[in-house]
Amino acid sequence: MCNFDCPQCGEETPALHEGYCLQCCSDNQAALDAHNFQLDRWSSMNDSQRDAEIKNSYR
């Protein structure tokens, strides 16, 4: 059986999923989903909502 090394975590894995071990692939997808959610959320705001969001981040 051929094993691979995950290029992200370096762990040995029996199969690669989109080039990574299953855990790294899942973690990457979760990070991408969170990023896309925040991008969509930000895009749906008007200028005053964005200004308020920025001001609230300093608190």
PDB file of N, CA and C in Angstrom:
ATOM      1  N   MET A   1       0.843  -1.181   0.000  1.00  0.00           N
ATOM      2  CA  MET A   1       0.000   0.000   0.000  1.00  0.00           C
ATOM      3  C   MET A   1       0.888   1.244   0.000  1.00  0.00           C
ATOM      4  N   CYS A   2       0.550   2.199  -0.812  1.00  0.00           N
ATOM      5  CA  CYS A   2       1.329   3.424  -0.944  1.00  0.00           C
ATOM      6  C   CYS A   2       0.775   4.485   0.007  1.00  0.00           C
ATOM      7  N   ASN A   3       1.643   5.088   0.783  1.00  0.00           N
ATOM      8  CA  ASN A   3       1.248   6.184   1.665  1.00  0.00           C
ATOM      9  C   ASN A   3       1.832   7.487   1.149  1.00  0.00           C
ATOM     10  N   PHE A   4       1.176   8.561   1.488  1.00  0.00           N
ATOM     11  CA  PHE A   4       1.585   9.893   1.070  1.00  0.00           C
ATOM     12  C   PHE A   4       1.856  10.744   2.307  1.00  0.00           C
ATOM     13  N   ASP A   5       2.618  11.786   2.138  1.00  0.00           N
ATOM     14  CA  ASP A   5       2.810  12.769   3.192  1.00  0.00           C
ATOM     15  C   ASP A   5       1.988  13.995   2.842  1.00  0.00           C
ATOM     16  N   CYS A   6       1.196  14.443   3.792  1.00  0.00           N
ATOM     17  CA  CYS A   6       0.386  15.645   3.586  1.00  0.00           C
ATOM     18  C   CYS A   6       1.324  16.848   3.517  1.00  0.00           C
ATOM     19  N   PRO A   7       1.224  17.664   2.479  1.00  0.00           N
ATOM     20  CA  PRO A   7       2.116  18.817   2.359  1.00  0.00           C
ATOM     21  C   PRO A   7       1.816  19.924   3.377  1.00  0.00           C
ATOM     22  N   GLN A   8       0.666  19.855   4.018  1.00  0.00           N
ATOM     23  CA  GLN A   8       0.312  20.894   4.989  1.00  0.00           C
ATOM     24  C   GLN A   8       0.772  20.538   6.397  1.00  0.00           C
ATOM     25  N   CYS A   9       0.439  19.342   6.861  1.00  0.00           N
ATOM     26  CA  CYS A   9       0.779  18.963   8.238  1.00  0.00           C
ATOM     27  C   CYS A   9       1.978  18.026   8.324  1.00  0.00           C
ATOM     28  N   GLY A  10       2.329  17.402   7.203  1.00  0.00           N
ATOM     29  CA  GLY A  10       3.477  16.505   7.182  1.00  0.00           C
ATOM     30  C   GLY A  10       3.180  15.086   7.638  1.00  0.00           C
ATOM     31  N   GLU A  11       1.950  14.826   8.049  1.00  0.00           N
ATOM     32  CA  GLU A  11       1.573  13.492   8.507  1.00  0.00           C
ATOM     33  C   GLU A  11       1.425  12.537   7.323  1.00  0.00           C
ATOM     34  N   GLU A  12       1.693  11.286   7.589  1.00  0.00           N
ATOM     35  CA  GLU A  12       1.513  10.255   6.575  1.00  0.00           C
ATOM     36  C   GLU A  12       0.029   9.921   6.477  1.00  0.00           C
ATOM     37  N   THR A  13      -0.429   9.736   5.249  1.00  0.00           N
ATOM     38  CA  THR A  13      -1.841   9.442   5.016  1.00  0.00           C
ATOM     39  C   THR A  13      -1.965   8.438   3.872  1.00  0.00           C
ATOM     40  N   PRO A  14      -2.932   7.535   3.961  1.00  0.00           N
ATOM     41  CA  PRO A  14      -3.086   6.545   2.897  1.00  0.00           C
ATOM     42  C   PRO A  14      -3.640   7.129   1.597  1.00  0.00           C
ATOM     43  N   ALA A  15      -4.302   8.277   1.686  1.00  0.00           N
ATOM     44  CA  ALA A  15      -4.889   8.895   0.491  1.00  0.00           C
ATOM     45  C   ALA A  15      -4.852  10.404   0.647  1.00  0.00           C
ATOM     46  N   LEU A  16      -4.781  11.075  -0.466  1.00  0.00           N
ATOM     47  CA  LEU A  16      -4.842  12.531  -0.465  1.00  0.00           C
ATOM     48  C   LEU A  16      -6.206  12.970  -0.977  1.00  0.00           C
ATOM     49  N   HIS A  17      -6.722  14.005  -0.380  1.00  0.00           N
ATOM     50  CA  HIS A  17      -8.010  14.579  -0.752  1.00  0.00           C
ATOM     51  C   HIS A  17      -7.746  16.012  -1.175  1.00  0.00           C
ATOM     52  N   GLU A  18      -7.877  16.275  -2.464  1.00  0.00           N
ATOM     53  CA  GLU A  18      -7.530  17.579  -3.030  1.00  0.00           C
ATOM     54  C   GLU A  18      -6.093  17.952  -2.669  1.00  0.00           C
ATOM     55  N   GLY A  19      -5.236  16.952  -2.562  1.00  0.00           N
ATOM     56  CA  GLY A  19      -3.822  17.167  -2.317  1.00  0.00           C
ATOM     57  C   GLY A  19      -3.410  17.157  -0.860  1.00  0.00           C
ATOM     58  N   TYR A  20      -4.350  16.939   0.068  1.00  0.00           N
ATOM     59  CA  TYR A  20      -4.067  16.997   1.497  1.00  0.00           C
ATOM     60  C   TYR A  20      -4.673  15.791   2.205  1.00  0.00           C
ATOM     61  N   CYS A  21      -4.236  15.569   3.452  1.00  0.00           N
ATOM     62  CA  CYS A  21      -4.867  14.504   4.239  1.00  0.00           C
ATOM     63  C   CYS A  21      -6.319  14.919   4.509  1.00  0.00           C
ATOM     64  N   LEU A  22      -7.124  13.981   4.920  1.00  0.00           N
ATOM     65  CA  LEU A  22      -8.547  14.255   5.117  1.00  0.00           C
ATOM     66  C   LEU A  22      -8.767  15.367   6.144  1.00  0.00           C
ATOM     67  N   GLN A  23      -8.020  15.356   7.253  1.00  0.00           N
ATOM     68  CA  GLN A  23      -8.196  16.374   8.285  1.00  0.00           C
ATOM     69  C   GLN A  23      -7.843  17.763   7.763  1.00  0.00           C
ATOM     70  N   CYS A  24      -6.711  17.888   7.088  1.00  0.00           N
ATOM     71  CA  CYS A  24      -6.319  19.194   6.536  1.00  0.00           C
ATOM     72  C   CYS A  24      -7.302  19.650   5.467  1.00  0.00           C
ATOM     73  N   CYS A  25      -7.763  18.735   4.649  1.00  0.00           N
ATOM     74  CA  CYS A  25      -8.739  19.073   3.615  1.00  0.00           C
ATOM     75  C   CYS A  25     -10.022  19.605   4.264  1.00  0.00           C
ATOM     76  N   SER A  26     -10.478  18.942   5.319  1.00  0.00           N
ATOM     77  CA  SER A  26     -11.679  19.382   6.035  1.00  0.00           C
ATOM     78  C   SER A  26     -11.458  20.736   6.692  1.00  0.00           C
ATOM     79  N   ASP A  27     -10.291  20.914   7.323  1.00  0.00           N
ATOM     80  CA  ASP A  27      -9.978  22.195   7.962  1.00  0.00           C
ATOM     81  C   ASP A  27      -9.907  23.324   6.939  1.00  0.00           C
ATOM     82  N   ASN A  28      -9.292  23.053   5.799  1.00  0.00           N
ATOM     83  CA  ASN A  28      -9.195  24.059   4.737  1.00  0.00           C
ATOM     84  C   ASN A  28     -10.572  24.432   4.209  1.00  0.00           C
ATOM     85  N   GLN A  29     -11.442  23.437   4.037  1.00  0.00           N
ATOM     86  CA  GLN A  29     -12.793  23.714   3.546  1.00  0.00           C
ATOM     87  C   GLN A  29     -13.579  24.539   4.554  1.00  0.00           C
ATOM     88  N   ALA A  30     -13.431  24.222   5.835  1.00  0.00           N
ATOM     89  CA  ALA A  30     -14.124  24.992   6.874  1.00  0.00           C
ATOM     90  C   ALA A  30     -13.632  26.441   6.887  1.00  0.00           C
ATOM     91  N   ALA A  31     -12.339  26.653   6.737  1.00  0.00           N
ATOM     92  CA  ALA A  31     -11.784  28.008   6.697  1.00  0.00           C
ATOM     93  C   ALA A  31     -12.294  28.761   5.465  1.00  0.00           C
ATOM     94  N   LEU A  32     -12.350  28.080   4.339  1.00  0.00           N
ATOM     95  CA  LEU A  32     -12.860  28.701   3.114  1.00  0.00           C
ATOM     96  C   LEU A  32     -14.338  29.056   3.257  1.00  0.00           C
ATOM     97  N   ASP A  33     -15.120  28.155   3.835  1.00  0.00           N
ATOM     98  CA  ASP A  33     -16.546  28.427   4.048  1.00  0.00           C
ATOM     99  C   ASP A  33     -16.742  29.634   4.965  1.00  0.00           C
ATOM    100  N   ALA A  34     -15.948  29.724   6.041  1.00  0.00           N
ATOM    101  CA  ALA A  34     -16.046  30.854   6.964  1.00  0.00           C
ATOM    102  C   ALA A  34     -15.664  32.157   6.253  1.00  0.00           C
ATOM    103  N   HIS A  35     -14.610  32.110   5.450  1.00  0.00           N
ATOM    104  CA  HIS A  35     -14.187  33.290   4.697  1.00  0.00           C
ATOM    105  C   HIS A  35     -15.291  33.734   3.733  1.00  0.00           C
ATOM    106  N   ASN A  36     -15.854  32.800   2.994  1.00  0.00           N
ATOM    107  CA  ASN A  36     -16.901  33.133   2.031  1.00  0.00           C
ATOM    108  C   ASN A  36     -18.138  33.696   2.722  1.00  0.00           C
ATOM    109  N   PHE A  37     -18.478  33.152   3.904  1.00  0.00           N
ATOM    110  CA  PHE A  37     -19.614  33.664   4.674  1.00  0.00           C
ATOM    111  C   PHE A  37     -19.375  35.117   5.052  1.00  0.00           C
ATOM    112  N   GLN A  38     -18.171  35.409   5.567  1.00  0.00           N
ATOM    113  CA  GLN A  38     -17.859  36.779   5.978  1.00  0.00           C
ATOM    114  C   GLN A  38     -17.810  37.725   4.777  1.00  0.00           C
ATOM    115  N   LEU A  39     -17.292  37.251   3.663  1.00  0.00           N
ATOM    116  CA  LEU A  39     -17.260  38.073   2.453  1.00  0.00           C
ATOM    117  C   LEU A  39     -18.676  38.408   1.988  1.00  0.00           C
ATOM    118  N   ASP A  40     -19.556  37.417   1.962  1.00  0.00           N
ATOM    119  CA  ASP A  40     -20.950  37.656   1.566  1.00  0.00           C
ATOM    120  C   ASP A  40     -21.636  38.615   2.543  1.00  0.00           C
ATOM    121  N   ARG A  41     -21.359  38.428   3.834  1.00  0.00           N
ATOM    122  CA  ARG A  41     -21.939  39.285   4.866  1.00  0.00           C
ATOM    123  C   ARG A  41     -21.481  40.732   4.665  1.00  0.00           C
ATOM    124  N   TRP A  42     -20.184  40.917   4.461  1.00  0.00           N
ATOM    125  CA  TRP A  42     -19.625  42.253   4.259  1.00  0.00           C
ATOM    126  C   TRP A  42     -20.197  42.889   2.993  1.00  0.00           C
ATOM    127  N   SER A  43     -20.328  42.104   1.945  1.00  0.00           N
ATOM    128  CA  SER A  43     -20.835  42.618   0.663  1.00  0.00           C
ATOM    129  C   SER A  43     -22.290  43.056   0.758  1.00  0.00           C
ATOM    130  N   SER A  44     -23.025  42.457   1.673  1.00  0.00           N
ATOM    131  CA  SER A  44     -24.448  42.792   1.793  1.00  0.00           C
ATOM    132  C   SER A  44     -24.684  44.048   2.640  1.00  0.00           C
ATOM    133  N   MET A  45     -23.640  44.562   3.289  1.00  0.00           N
ATOM    134  CA  MET A  45     -23.775  45.750   4.137  1.00  0.00           C
ATOM    135  C   MET A  45     -23.661  47.031   3.309  1.00  0.00           C
ATOM    136  N   ASN A  46     -24.330  48.076   3.811  1.00  0.00           N
ATOM    137  CA  ASN A  46     -24.141  49.391   3.196  1.00  0.00           C
ATOM    138  C   ASN A  46     -22.980  50.084   3.909  1.00  0.00           C
ATOM    139  N   ASP A  47     -22.619  51.266   3.450  1.00  0.00           N
ATOM    140  CA  ASP A  47     -21.443  51.957   3.984  1.00  0.00           C
ATOM    141  C   ASP A  47     -21.554  52.245   5.479  1.00  0.00           C
ATOM    142  N   SER A  48     -22.718  52.677   5.943  1.00  0.00           N
ATOM    143  CA  SER A  48     -22.858  53.003   7.368  1.00  0.00           C
ATOM    144  C   SER A  48     -22.785  51.740   8.234  1.00  0.00           C
ATOM    145  N   GLN A  49     -23.299  50.627   7.732  1.00  0.00           N
ATOM    146  CA  GLN A  49     -23.187  49.365   8.466  1.00  0.00           C
ATOM    147  C   GLN A  49     -21.728  48.915   8.543  1.00  0.00           C
ATOM    148  N   ARG A  50     -20.999  49.095   7.465  1.00  0.00           N
ATOM    149  CA  ARG A  50     -19.577  48.742   7.467  1.00  0.00           C
ATOM    150  C   ARG A  50     -18.804  49.632   8.441  1.00  0.00           C
ATOM    151  N   ASP A  51     -19.109  50.935   8.429  1.00  0.00           N
ATOM    152  CA  ASP A  51     -18.447  51.849   9.364  1.00  0.00           C
ATOM    153  C   ASP A  51     -18.716  51.437  10.808  1.00  0.00           C
ATOM    154  N   ALA A  52     -19.951  51.082  11.111  1.00  0.00           N
ATOM    155  CA  ALA A  52     -20.305  50.644  12.466  1.00  0.00           C
ATOM    156  C   ALA A  52     -19.571  49.355  12.825  1.00  0.00           C
ATOM    157  N   GLU A  53     -19.464  48.465  11.892  1.00  0.00           N
ATOM    158  CA  GLU A  53     -18.756  47.195  12.121  1.00  0.00           C
ATOM    159  C   GLU A  53     -17.279  47.451  12.432  1.00  0.00           C
ATOM    160  N   ILE A  54     -16.672  48.361  11.697  1.00  0.00           N
ATOM    161  CA  ILE A  54     -15.267  48.703  11.919  1.00  0.00           C
ATOM    162  C   ILE A  54     -15.096  49.350  13.294  1.00  0.00           C
ATOM    163  N   LYS A  55     -15.978  50.285  13.639  1.00  0.00           N
ATOM    164  CA  LYS A  55     -15.907  50.952  14.944  1.00  0.00           C
ATOM    165  C   LYS A  55     -16.094  49.958  16.083  1.00  0.00           C
ATOM    166  N   ASN A  56     -17.005  49.000  15.926  1.00  0.00           N
ATOM    167  CA  ASN A  56     -17.248  47.989  16.957  1.00  0.00           C
ATOM    168  C   ASN A  56     -16.052  47.052  17.125  1.00  0.00           C
ATOM    169  N   SER A  57     -15.255  46.903  16.102  1.00  0.00           N
ATOM    170  CA  SER A  57     -14.113  46.003  16.200  1.00  0.00           C
ATOM    171  C   SER A  57     -13.021  46.570  17.091  1.00  0.00           C
ATOM    172  N   TYR A  58     -13.040  47.885  17.333  1.00  0.00           N
ATOM    173  CA  TYR A  58     -12.036  48.508  18.192  1.00  0.00           C
ATOM    174  C   TYR A  58     -12.383  48.365  19.668  1.00  0.00           C
ATOM    175  N   ARG A  59     -13.580  47.944  19.997  1.00  0.00           N
ATOM    176  CA  ARG A  59     -14.006  47.823  21.394  1.00  0.00           C
ATOM    177  C   ARG A  59     -13.571  46.536  22.002  1.00  0.00           C
TER     178      ARG A  59
END
